[in-house]
């Protein structure tokens, strides 16, 4: 990691908070721990953070209130909720406020890390979307026109095909996490959407088969990887 990403960690359980801070720092992040919502708000005002990790049930100011106030100041910073609540209404409330993810206690440290990494990839992917043209081997991919061209042959892609191929291009020669792609394009990573994405991956493989050096491979238990021999910067 070229520079340490800064995380605002708000957790009122002292032991869990310290454990999370130490773990995140060991993973290469800078984590600033706050034990109530008011301190969290003041800390956010004074610093610059790449992600906010907020416990929902906190004294003085709960996570939902804090997230709402943070959103009024910064509409772009990613927000994740930590919570023991599993009610659907609470999850929906979090997403209405503008949460990027929601993790329910108890959770494994590995799951937390993967979710944080997925959020950062999503943010990076949005920035990469500013690029409207990609070279995919012998193909030219125009994300705005949703066209894939090789020689004098042009294929018009559907919106879902274009969005999925854009994500693959943004992560060319890297693993595109399955859950990240599902939540980015289909919003929900349920079984039916997962099967739908598999169908679109098959369609993209057919579109790209004219160049034998291009390949979309399955990474078992993780996602997909678009293999491009030479990636143009």
Foldseek 3Di string as FASTA:
>chain_A
DVAAAEEEEEAQPVVVQVVLQVLSVVVRHHYDYDNALVVSLVVPVVDDHQEYEAEQDGPPAGPLRSLLVVCVVPVQRAYEYEYQDDDPVVVVSCVVSPHPYYDHPPDDPVVVVVSVVLSVLLSLLVVLVVDQWFDFAQWIAGLVQCWIDHDPDIDRDDNLLSLLVSSQLSQAPHFDFLQSSCCNRVVDSDPVSSVVVVVSQVVVCVVPVVDVQWDWDADPPGHIHTYGPDGDD
